[in-house]
N, C-alpha and C. Protein backbone atom coordinates (compact mmCIF):
# COMPACT_ATOMS: atom_id res chain seq x y z
N UNK A 1 27.12 287.39 99.26
CA UNK A 1 28.23 287.05 100.13
C UNK A 1 29.51 286.90 99.28
N UNK A 2 30.64 287.06 99.91
CA UNK A 2 31.92 286.95 99.21
C UNK A 2 32.36 285.50 99.17
N UNK A 3 33.53 285.28 98.55
CA UNK A 3 34.08 283.92 98.48
C UNK A 3 34.96 283.62 99.68
N UNK A 4 35.07 284.54 100.63
CA UNK A 4 35.83 284.28 101.85
C UNK A 4 35.19 283.11 102.59
N UNK A 5 35.94 282.52 103.49
CA UNK A 5 35.40 281.43 104.31
C UNK A 5 34.26 281.96 105.17
N UNK A 6 33.34 281.08 105.59
CA UNK A 6 32.25 281.54 106.48
C UNK A 6 32.78 282.21 107.74
N UNK A 7 33.90 281.75 108.27
CA UNK A 7 34.46 282.34 109.48
C UNK A 7 34.88 283.79 109.22
N UNK A 8 35.57 284.02 108.09
CA UNK A 8 36.01 285.38 107.74
C UNK A 8 34.80 286.28 107.45
N UNK A 9 33.81 285.73 106.76
CA UNK A 9 32.59 286.50 106.48
C UNK A 9 31.88 286.89 107.77
N UNK A 10 31.79 285.94 108.69
CA UNK A 10 31.13 286.21 109.98
C UNK A 10 31.86 287.30 110.75
N UNK A 11 33.19 287.23 110.77
CA UNK A 11 33.95 288.23 111.51
C UNK A 11 33.70 289.62 110.94
N UNK A 12 33.76 289.74 109.63
CA UNK A 12 33.54 291.03 108.97
C UNK A 12 32.12 291.54 109.26
N UNK A 13 31.14 290.66 109.15
CA UNK A 13 29.75 291.04 109.39
C UNK A 13 29.52 291.42 110.86
N UNK A 14 30.14 290.66 111.77
CA UNK A 14 30.02 290.99 113.20
C UNK A 14 30.54 292.39 113.49
N UNK A 15 31.72 292.69 112.97
CA UNK A 15 32.31 294.02 113.20
C UNK A 15 31.37 295.12 112.71
N UNK A 16 30.85 294.95 111.50
CA UNK A 16 29.96 295.95 110.91
C UNK A 16 28.66 296.09 111.71
N UNK A 17 28.04 294.95 112.04
CA UNK A 17 26.75 294.99 112.76
C UNK A 17 26.90 295.47 114.20
N UNK A 18 28.02 295.15 114.84
CA UNK A 18 28.25 295.66 116.20
C UNK A 18 28.33 297.18 116.21
N UNK A 19 29.04 297.73 115.23
CA UNK A 19 29.13 299.19 115.12
C UNK A 19 27.75 299.80 114.92
N UNK A 20 26.97 299.24 114.00
CA UNK A 20 25.63 299.75 113.73
C UNK A 20 24.74 299.63 114.97
N UNK A 21 24.81 298.48 115.63
CA UNK A 21 23.98 298.24 116.81
C UNK A 21 24.31 299.22 117.92
N UNK A 22 25.59 299.42 118.17
CA UNK A 22 26.02 300.33 119.24
C UNK A 22 25.60 301.76 118.93
N UNK A 23 25.80 302.20 117.69
CA UNK A 23 25.42 303.56 117.30
C UNK A 23 23.91 303.75 117.39
N UNK A 24 23.15 302.74 116.97
CA UNK A 24 21.69 302.83 117.02
C UNK A 24 21.21 302.96 118.46
N UNK A 25 21.69 302.10 119.33
CA UNK A 25 21.26 302.13 120.74
C UNK A 25 21.66 303.45 121.40
N UNK A 26 22.86 303.94 121.10
CA UNK A 26 23.33 305.19 121.70
C UNK A 26 22.52 306.40 121.21
N UNK A 27 21.99 306.33 119.99
CA UNK A 27 21.26 307.45 119.42
C UNK A 27 19.81 307.54 119.90
N UNK A 28 19.31 306.49 120.53
CA UNK A 28 17.92 306.52 121.00
C UNK A 28 17.75 307.49 122.15
N UNK A 29 16.75 308.37 122.08
CA UNK A 29 16.47 309.23 123.23
C UNK A 29 16.09 308.39 124.45
N UNK A 30 16.41 308.86 125.63
CA UNK A 30 16.13 308.13 126.86
C UNK A 30 14.66 307.74 126.95
N UNK A 31 13.76 308.64 126.55
CA UNK A 31 12.33 308.35 126.64
C UNK A 31 11.95 307.17 125.76
N UNK A 32 12.59 307.04 124.61
CA UNK A 32 12.29 305.95 123.69
C UNK A 32 12.91 304.66 124.19
N UNK A 33 14.17 304.70 124.60
CA UNK A 33 14.84 303.48 125.04
C UNK A 33 14.17 302.88 126.27
N UNK A 34 13.51 303.71 127.08
CA UNK A 34 12.79 303.19 128.24
C UNK A 34 11.55 302.42 127.84
N UNK A 35 11.04 302.65 126.64
CA UNK A 35 9.81 302.00 126.19
C UNK A 35 10.04 300.73 125.40
N UNK A 36 11.17 300.63 124.70
CA UNK A 36 11.37 299.45 123.86
C UNK A 36 11.68 298.23 124.72
N UNK A 37 11.19 297.10 124.29
CA UNK A 37 11.36 295.84 125.00
C UNK A 37 10.86 295.95 126.44
N UNK A 38 9.80 296.73 126.65
CA UNK A 38 9.26 296.91 127.99
C UNK A 38 8.38 295.75 128.42
N UNK A 39 7.55 295.26 127.49
CA UNK A 39 6.63 294.17 127.78
C UNK A 39 6.55 293.31 126.53
N UNK A 40 6.66 291.99 126.67
CA UNK A 40 6.57 291.12 125.49
C UNK A 40 5.21 291.25 124.82
N UNK A 41 5.18 291.34 123.48
CA UNK A 41 3.90 291.40 122.78
C UNK A 41 3.14 290.07 122.90
N UNK A 42 1.82 290.13 122.73
CA UNK A 42 0.96 288.94 122.89
C UNK A 42 1.41 287.79 122.02
N UNK A 43 1.81 288.07 120.78
CA UNK A 43 2.27 287.01 119.87
C UNK A 43 3.47 286.27 120.46
N UNK A 44 4.32 286.97 121.17
CA UNK A 44 5.49 286.37 121.80
C UNK A 44 5.09 285.61 123.06
N UNK A 45 4.19 286.19 123.84
CA UNK A 45 3.74 285.53 125.07
C UNK A 45 3.11 284.18 124.78
N UNK A 46 2.52 284.02 123.61
CA UNK A 46 1.93 282.74 123.23
C UNK A 46 2.97 281.62 123.17
N UNK A 47 4.25 281.98 123.04
CA UNK A 47 5.33 280.99 122.99
C UNK A 47 5.91 280.67 124.36
N UNK A 48 5.43 281.37 125.40
CA UNK A 48 6.00 281.22 126.74
C UNK A 48 4.92 280.75 127.71
N UNK A 49 4.85 279.44 127.98
CA UNK A 49 3.84 278.95 128.93
C UNK A 49 4.02 279.59 130.31
N UNK A 50 2.92 279.75 131.02
CA UNK A 50 2.97 280.41 132.33
C UNK A 50 3.85 279.68 133.32
N UNK A 51 3.99 278.36 133.18
CA UNK A 51 4.81 277.59 134.12
C UNK A 51 6.26 277.42 133.64
N UNK A 52 6.60 278.03 132.53
CA UNK A 52 7.93 277.85 131.94
C UNK A 52 9.03 278.51 132.77
N UNK A 53 10.18 277.86 132.76
CA UNK A 53 11.40 278.52 133.22
C UNK A 53 11.93 279.31 132.03
N UNK A 54 12.12 280.61 132.24
CA UNK A 54 12.51 281.50 131.15
C UNK A 54 13.98 281.90 131.31
N UNK A 55 14.77 281.57 130.31
CA UNK A 55 16.16 281.99 130.28
C UNK A 55 16.27 283.33 129.59
N UNK A 56 17.03 284.22 130.17
CA UNK A 56 17.28 285.53 129.59
C UNK A 56 18.76 285.84 129.73
N UNK A 57 19.15 287.04 129.46
CA UNK A 57 20.56 287.46 129.54
C UNK A 57 20.61 288.86 130.11
N UNK A 58 21.73 289.22 130.69
CA UNK A 58 21.95 290.62 131.12
C UNK A 58 22.54 291.34 129.93
N UNK A 59 21.80 292.28 129.38
CA UNK A 59 22.25 292.93 128.15
C UNK A 59 23.50 293.77 128.38
N UNK A 60 24.35 293.72 127.39
CA UNK A 60 25.59 294.48 127.37
C UNK A 60 25.37 295.71 126.47
N UNK A 61 26.32 296.58 126.42
CA UNK A 61 26.21 297.83 125.66
C UNK A 61 25.79 297.57 124.21
N UNK A 62 24.71 298.19 123.80
CA UNK A 62 24.23 298.09 122.43
C UNK A 62 23.25 296.96 122.19
N UNK A 63 23.28 295.92 123.02
CA UNK A 63 22.36 294.80 122.84
C UNK A 63 20.92 295.21 123.15
N UNK A 64 19.99 294.47 122.58
CA UNK A 64 18.59 294.69 122.90
C UNK A 64 18.42 294.54 124.41
N UNK A 65 17.84 295.54 125.08
CA UNK A 65 17.74 295.50 126.54
C UNK A 65 16.80 294.41 127.02
N UNK A 66 17.25 293.67 128.02
CA UNK A 66 16.50 292.51 128.50
C UNK A 66 15.93 292.69 129.91
N UNK A 67 16.34 293.72 130.60
CA UNK A 67 15.99 293.84 132.02
C UNK A 67 14.49 293.92 132.27
N UNK A 68 13.74 294.64 131.43
CA UNK A 68 12.29 294.72 131.62
C UNK A 68 11.63 293.36 131.40
N UNK A 69 12.14 292.57 130.45
CA UNK A 69 11.59 291.23 130.24
C UNK A 69 11.87 290.35 131.46
N UNK A 70 13.06 290.48 132.04
CA UNK A 70 13.40 289.71 133.24
C UNK A 70 12.38 290.01 134.33
N UNK A 71 12.13 291.28 134.57
CA UNK A 71 11.17 291.67 135.62
C UNK A 71 9.74 291.25 135.25
N UNK A 72 9.37 291.41 133.99
CA UNK A 72 8.02 291.04 133.56
C UNK A 72 7.75 289.56 133.83
N UNK A 73 8.64 288.69 133.36
CA UNK A 73 8.41 287.26 133.52
C UNK A 73 8.50 286.84 134.99
N UNK A 74 9.36 287.48 135.75
CA UNK A 74 9.44 287.19 137.19
C UNK A 74 8.12 287.54 137.87
N UNK A 75 7.59 288.73 137.58
CA UNK A 75 6.31 289.14 138.17
C UNK A 75 5.16 288.27 137.70
N UNK A 76 5.27 287.73 136.51
CA UNK A 76 4.24 286.84 135.97
C UNK A 76 4.25 285.49 136.68
N UNK A 77 5.33 285.19 137.38
CA UNK A 77 5.43 283.93 138.10
C UNK A 77 6.35 282.90 137.47
N UNK A 78 7.00 283.26 136.37
CA UNK A 78 7.96 282.35 135.75
C UNK A 78 9.25 282.32 136.55
N UNK A 79 9.90 281.15 136.55
CA UNK A 79 11.25 281.09 137.11
C UNK A 79 12.19 281.71 136.06
N UNK A 80 13.16 282.48 136.53
CA UNK A 80 14.10 283.17 135.64
C UNK A 80 15.48 282.54 135.78
N UNK A 81 16.12 282.29 134.65
CA UNK A 81 17.47 281.76 134.63
C UNK A 81 18.35 282.65 133.76
N UNK A 82 19.57 282.84 134.21
CA UNK A 82 20.55 283.63 133.45
C UNK A 82 21.76 282.75 133.15
N UNK A 83 22.49 283.05 132.07
CA UNK A 83 23.66 282.24 131.74
C UNK A 83 24.80 282.47 132.73
N UNK A 84 25.57 281.41 132.92
CA UNK A 84 26.78 281.48 133.74
C UNK A 84 27.89 280.80 132.95
N UNK A 85 28.99 281.51 132.79
CA UNK A 85 30.19 280.97 132.15
C UNK A 85 31.30 281.06 133.18
N UNK A 86 31.90 279.92 133.51
CA UNK A 86 32.96 279.93 134.53
C UNK A 86 34.34 280.08 133.90
N UNK A 87 34.58 279.38 132.81
CA UNK A 87 35.84 279.52 132.07
C UNK A 87 35.51 279.46 130.58
N UNK A 88 36.42 279.94 129.77
CA UNK A 88 36.16 280.01 128.33
C UNK A 88 36.05 278.64 127.68
N UNK A 89 36.62 277.60 128.30
CA UNK A 89 36.60 276.27 127.69
C UNK A 89 35.48 275.37 128.22
N UNK A 90 34.66 275.88 129.14
CA UNK A 90 33.55 275.07 129.68
C UNK A 90 32.24 275.54 129.07
N UNK A 91 31.26 274.62 128.98
CA UNK A 91 29.97 275.02 128.42
C UNK A 91 29.24 276.03 129.30
N UNK A 92 28.43 276.83 128.67
CA UNK A 92 27.57 277.76 129.39
C UNK A 92 26.46 276.94 130.06
N UNK A 93 26.06 277.40 131.24
CA UNK A 93 24.93 276.78 131.93
C UNK A 93 23.99 277.89 132.37
N UNK A 94 22.78 277.51 132.72
CA UNK A 94 21.82 278.49 133.22
C UNK A 94 21.51 278.20 134.67
N UNK A 95 21.50 279.28 135.46
CA UNK A 95 21.21 279.17 136.89
C UNK A 95 20.09 280.14 137.24
N UNK A 96 19.33 279.78 138.27
CA UNK A 96 18.20 280.60 138.68
C UNK A 96 18.64 281.99 139.14
N UNK A 97 17.84 282.97 138.79
CA UNK A 97 18.04 284.37 139.18
C UNK A 97 16.78 284.77 139.94
N UNK A 98 16.93 285.09 141.21
CA UNK A 98 15.76 285.29 142.08
C UNK A 98 15.57 286.72 142.57
N UNK A 99 16.43 287.63 142.17
CA UNK A 99 16.33 289.01 142.65
C UNK A 99 16.53 290.00 141.50
N UNK A 100 15.52 290.12 140.60
CA UNK A 100 15.72 290.98 139.44
C UNK A 100 15.74 292.48 139.74
N UNK A 101 15.36 292.90 140.93
CA UNK A 101 15.39 294.34 141.24
C UNK A 101 16.73 294.76 141.81
N UNK A 102 17.19 294.11 142.85
CA UNK A 102 18.47 294.47 143.48
C UNK A 102 19.64 293.70 142.87
N UNK A 103 19.35 292.55 142.27
CA UNK A 103 20.37 291.68 141.67
C UNK A 103 21.42 291.24 142.68
N UNK A 104 20.99 291.05 143.92
CA UNK A 104 21.91 290.65 144.99
C UNK A 104 22.45 289.23 144.79
N UNK A 105 21.81 288.44 143.94
CA UNK A 105 22.25 287.07 143.70
C UNK A 105 23.21 286.96 142.51
N UNK A 106 23.63 288.09 141.97
CA UNK A 106 24.53 288.07 140.81
C UNK A 106 25.94 288.48 141.21
N UNK A 107 26.90 287.98 140.44
CA UNK A 107 28.31 288.34 140.63
C UNK A 107 28.93 288.61 139.27
N UNK A 108 30.11 289.18 139.28
CA UNK A 108 30.80 289.49 138.03
C UNK A 108 31.36 288.21 137.42
N UNK A 109 31.14 288.05 136.10
CA UNK A 109 31.59 286.84 135.42
C UNK A 109 32.83 287.04 134.59
N UNK A 110 33.08 286.09 133.70
CA UNK A 110 34.29 286.03 132.89
C UNK A 110 34.56 287.33 132.13
N UNK A 111 33.55 287.90 131.50
CA UNK A 111 33.72 289.13 130.72
C UNK A 111 33.25 290.36 131.49
N UNK A 112 33.10 290.24 132.79
CA UNK A 112 32.61 291.34 133.60
C UNK A 112 31.10 291.46 133.60
N UNK A 113 30.42 290.55 132.92
CA UNK A 113 28.95 290.56 132.91
C UNK A 113 28.43 289.94 134.20
N UNK A 114 27.32 290.45 134.67
CA UNK A 114 26.71 289.93 135.90
C UNK A 114 26.05 288.58 135.60
N UNK A 115 26.28 287.62 136.50
CA UNK A 115 25.73 286.28 136.34
C UNK A 115 25.43 285.68 137.70
N UNK A 116 24.54 284.66 137.75
CA UNK A 116 24.22 284.03 139.03
C UNK A 116 25.46 283.41 139.67
N UNK A 117 25.46 283.38 140.99
CA UNK A 117 26.56 282.77 141.73
C UNK A 117 26.54 281.26 141.63
N UNK A 118 27.63 280.63 142.06
CA UNK A 118 27.75 279.17 142.01
C UNK A 118 26.70 278.46 142.86
N UNK A 119 26.19 279.13 143.88
CA UNK A 119 25.20 278.50 144.75
C UNK A 119 23.80 278.44 144.16
N UNK A 120 23.56 279.16 143.08
CA UNK A 120 22.23 279.16 142.46
C UNK A 120 22.00 277.84 141.73
N UNK A 121 20.80 277.27 141.83
CA UNK A 121 20.52 275.99 141.16
C UNK A 121 20.65 276.07 139.64
N UNK A 122 21.22 275.02 139.06
CA UNK A 122 21.32 274.88 137.61
C UNK A 122 19.96 274.42 137.08
N UNK A 123 19.49 275.05 136.02
CA UNK A 123 18.21 274.68 135.40
C UNK A 123 18.37 274.71 133.88
N UNK A 124 17.45 274.05 133.20
CA UNK A 124 17.38 274.13 131.74
C UNK A 124 16.12 274.92 131.41
N UNK A 125 16.27 276.10 130.82
CA UNK A 125 15.09 276.90 130.48
C UNK A 125 14.19 276.19 129.47
N UNK A 126 12.90 276.42 129.59
CA UNK A 126 11.95 275.94 128.58
C UNK A 126 11.96 276.88 127.38
N UNK A 127 12.11 278.16 127.67
CA UNK A 127 12.16 279.21 126.65
C UNK A 127 13.40 280.04 126.93
N UNK A 128 14.15 280.36 125.89
CA UNK A 128 15.41 281.08 126.07
C UNK A 128 15.46 282.30 125.15
N UNK A 129 15.47 283.48 125.76
CA UNK A 129 15.67 284.73 125.03
C UNK A 129 17.16 285.00 124.98
N UNK A 130 17.68 285.27 123.79
CA UNK A 130 19.12 285.44 123.67
C UNK A 130 19.49 286.65 122.83
N UNK A 131 20.66 287.21 123.11
CA UNK A 131 21.14 288.33 122.31
C UNK A 131 21.67 287.84 120.97
N UNK A 132 21.85 288.75 120.07
CA UNK A 132 22.45 288.39 118.79
C UNK A 132 23.10 289.61 118.17
N UNK A 133 23.94 289.35 117.20
CA UNK A 133 24.60 290.43 116.47
C UNK A 133 23.85 290.70 115.17
N UNK A 134 23.37 289.64 114.52
CA UNK A 134 22.62 289.77 113.28
C UNK A 134 21.61 288.65 113.15
N UNK A 135 20.60 288.87 112.28
CA UNK A 135 19.58 287.84 112.06
C UNK A 135 18.99 287.99 110.67
N UNK A 136 18.34 286.92 110.21
CA UNK A 136 17.60 286.97 108.94
C UNK A 136 16.12 286.79 109.24
N UNK A 137 15.29 287.10 108.27
CA UNK A 137 13.84 286.96 108.41
C UNK A 137 13.42 285.49 108.49
N UNK A 138 14.35 284.56 108.25
CA UNK A 138 14.07 283.12 108.33
C UNK A 138 14.42 282.54 109.70
N UNK A 139 15.00 283.36 110.59
CA UNK A 139 15.34 282.87 111.92
C UNK A 139 16.79 282.48 112.10
N UNK A 140 17.63 282.77 111.12
CA UNK A 140 19.06 282.51 111.29
C UNK A 140 19.65 283.59 112.19
N UNK A 141 20.66 283.21 112.99
CA UNK A 141 21.23 284.11 113.99
C UNK A 141 22.74 284.15 113.86
N UNK A 142 23.29 285.34 113.97
CA UNK A 142 24.73 285.54 114.08
C UNK A 142 24.99 285.99 115.51
N UNK A 143 25.71 285.17 116.26
CA UNK A 143 25.99 285.48 117.65
C UNK A 143 27.30 286.23 117.82
N UNK A 144 27.79 286.26 119.05
CA UNK A 144 29.02 286.99 119.36
C UNK A 144 30.26 286.31 118.81
N UNK A 145 30.17 285.00 118.54
CA UNK A 145 31.32 284.31 117.97
C UNK A 145 31.93 283.25 118.86
N UNK A 146 31.48 283.16 120.10
CA UNK A 146 32.02 282.14 121.00
C UNK A 146 31.36 280.78 120.87
N UNK A 147 30.19 280.73 120.25
CA UNK A 147 29.49 279.46 120.05
C UNK A 147 28.75 278.94 121.27
N UNK A 148 28.71 279.72 122.35
CA UNK A 148 28.08 279.24 123.59
C UNK A 148 26.61 278.90 123.40
N UNK A 149 25.85 279.80 122.77
CA UNK A 149 24.42 279.56 122.59
C UNK A 149 24.17 278.43 121.59
N UNK A 150 24.96 278.35 120.51
CA UNK A 150 24.79 277.26 119.55
C UNK A 150 25.03 275.91 120.21
N UNK A 151 26.09 275.81 121.01
CA UNK A 151 26.36 274.54 121.70
C UNK A 151 25.27 274.22 122.72
N UNK A 152 24.78 275.25 123.42
CA UNK A 152 23.73 275.03 124.41
C UNK A 152 22.46 274.52 123.73
N UNK A 153 22.08 275.15 122.64
CA UNK A 153 20.86 274.73 121.93
C UNK A 153 21.02 273.35 121.30
N UNK A 154 22.20 273.03 120.82
CA UNK A 154 22.44 271.69 120.26
C UNK A 154 22.28 270.63 121.34
N UNK A 155 22.72 270.94 122.57
CA UNK A 155 22.60 270.00 123.69
C UNK A 155 21.19 269.96 124.28
N UNK A 156 20.39 270.99 124.00
CA UNK A 156 19.03 271.09 124.56
C UNK A 156 18.05 271.47 123.44
N UNK A 157 17.82 270.55 122.49
CA UNK A 157 17.02 270.89 121.31
C UNK A 157 15.55 271.20 121.61
N UNK A 158 15.07 270.86 122.79
CA UNK A 158 13.68 271.12 123.16
C UNK A 158 13.44 272.58 123.55
N UNK A 159 14.49 273.34 123.78
CA UNK A 159 14.36 274.73 124.23
C UNK A 159 13.83 275.61 123.09
N UNK A 160 12.83 276.42 123.39
CA UNK A 160 12.32 277.41 122.44
C UNK A 160 13.27 278.61 122.48
N UNK A 161 13.95 278.85 121.37
CA UNK A 161 14.99 279.89 121.31
C UNK A 161 14.46 281.14 120.62
N UNK A 162 14.48 282.26 121.35
CA UNK A 162 13.96 283.53 120.83
C UNK A 162 15.06 284.58 120.86
N UNK A 163 15.37 285.15 119.71
CA UNK A 163 16.37 286.20 119.63
C UNK A 163 15.77 287.56 119.91
N UNK A 164 16.53 288.42 120.59
CA UNK A 164 16.12 289.80 120.84
C UNK A 164 17.09 290.71 120.09
N UNK A 165 16.54 291.63 119.28
CA UNK A 165 17.41 292.44 118.43
C UNK A 165 16.76 293.77 118.08
N UNK A 166 17.59 294.68 117.62
CA UNK A 166 17.11 295.92 117.01
C UNK A 166 16.81 295.60 115.55
N UNK A 167 15.87 296.31 114.95
CA UNK A 167 15.52 296.08 113.54
C UNK A 167 16.73 296.26 112.62
N UNK A 168 17.64 297.15 112.97
CA UNK A 168 18.80 297.43 112.11
C UNK A 168 19.78 296.25 112.05
N UNK A 169 19.57 295.23 112.87
CA UNK A 169 20.46 294.07 112.87
C UNK A 169 20.05 293.01 111.83
N UNK A 170 18.93 293.23 111.15
CA UNK A 170 18.48 292.27 110.14
C UNK A 170 19.33 292.39 108.89
N UNK A 171 19.71 291.23 108.34
CA UNK A 171 20.45 291.16 107.08
C UNK A 171 19.74 290.17 106.16
N UNK A 172 19.94 290.28 104.84
CA UNK A 172 19.25 289.38 103.92
C UNK A 172 19.67 287.92 104.07
N UNK A 173 20.95 287.70 104.35
CA UNK A 173 21.45 286.33 104.53
C UNK A 173 22.68 286.36 105.43
N UNK A 174 22.97 285.18 105.99
CA UNK A 174 24.14 285.03 106.86
C UNK A 174 25.00 283.89 106.34
N UNK A 175 26.31 283.97 106.54
CA UNK A 175 27.20 282.86 106.20
C UNK A 175 27.06 281.77 107.27
N UNK A 176 26.28 280.76 106.99
CA UNK A 176 25.98 279.73 107.99
C UNK A 176 26.94 278.56 107.91
N UNK A 177 27.14 277.93 109.06
CA UNK A 177 27.93 276.72 109.17
C UNK A 177 27.03 275.64 109.77
N UNK A 178 27.42 274.37 109.66
CA UNK A 178 26.55 273.29 110.14
C UNK A 178 26.17 273.40 111.62
N UNK A 179 27.03 273.99 112.45
CA UNK A 179 26.74 274.07 113.89
C UNK A 179 25.82 275.24 114.26
N UNK A 180 25.53 276.14 113.33
CA UNK A 180 24.69 277.31 113.63
C UNK A 180 23.25 276.88 113.83
N UNK A 181 22.69 277.25 114.97
CA UNK A 181 21.33 276.86 115.33
C UNK A 181 20.34 277.96 114.96
N UNK A 182 19.24 277.55 114.36
CA UNK A 182 18.18 278.50 113.97
C UNK A 182 17.31 278.82 115.18
N UNK A 183 16.79 280.04 115.20
CA UNK A 183 15.91 280.48 116.29
C UNK A 183 14.47 280.04 116.04
N UNK A 184 13.69 279.96 117.11
CA UNK A 184 12.26 279.67 117.01
C UNK A 184 11.48 280.93 116.65
N UNK A 185 11.98 282.09 117.07
CA UNK A 185 11.34 283.38 116.81
C UNK A 185 12.35 284.49 117.09
N UNK A 186 12.03 285.69 116.63
CA UNK A 186 12.86 286.88 116.88
C UNK A 186 11.92 288.02 117.23
N UNK A 187 12.29 288.80 118.26
CA UNK A 187 11.50 289.97 118.63
C UNK A 187 12.37 291.21 118.48
N UNK A 188 11.80 292.23 117.85
CA UNK A 188 12.45 293.54 117.72
C UNK A 188 11.49 294.57 118.31
N UNK A 189 11.88 295.84 118.38
CA UNK A 189 10.95 296.84 118.89
C UNK A 189 9.68 297.00 118.06
N UNK A 190 9.71 296.55 116.80
CA UNK A 190 8.55 296.79 115.93
C UNK A 190 7.80 295.54 115.50
N UNK A 191 8.35 294.34 115.74
CA UNK A 191 7.68 293.14 115.22
C UNK A 191 8.19 291.87 115.87
N UNK A 192 7.43 290.81 115.64
CA UNK A 192 7.84 289.46 116.03
C UNK A 192 7.92 288.66 114.74
N UNK A 193 9.05 288.03 114.51
CA UNK A 193 9.22 287.15 113.36
C UNK A 193 9.12 285.72 113.86
N UNK A 194 8.34 284.90 113.18
CA UNK A 194 8.16 283.53 113.61
C UNK A 194 6.83 283.35 114.31
N UNK A 195 6.58 282.19 114.87
CA UNK A 195 7.56 281.11 115.02
C UNK A 195 7.94 280.47 113.68
N UNK A 196 9.20 280.01 113.64
CA UNK A 196 9.74 279.39 112.44
C UNK A 196 9.61 277.88 112.56
């Protein structure tokens, strides 16, 4: 790592990893991208109790796709929760998502991402799958930079936090700050790291 501040290092690393992530996802043939992250591996399922409320995210361009996991856990009988951000200065919350096929219960959010409406019940997930920009083999995570997931995990330390990523997002080390929360596990198309 350089002698720049952790904030400057993170920004530089985010820019580089976002480019790599986007190019990697775009280069995958349709047949391959339909298969990755289709069903959670057994090692990962061991971390998700059958009665758990499972928090997931609606994947954005380049992110590890989450939609098949949403449908899988819903069909398994788990309650599904998605993040909702109302304004940039308020904490993220999770609300129930009850229609993973038609997504009729979702609306456009702050960044244009689909999220549950205000009428959906607020819940705290038992297990939370989250996107990331970069990760280490020790479970460190580099997020988008808004701090939403770090603040959420700090407020809910009992939540099992699992990162979803492409293998190309792994780095040897990350410039960490005291508020950065470590993941419980990470899943990529080829492996599960953890639990840590």
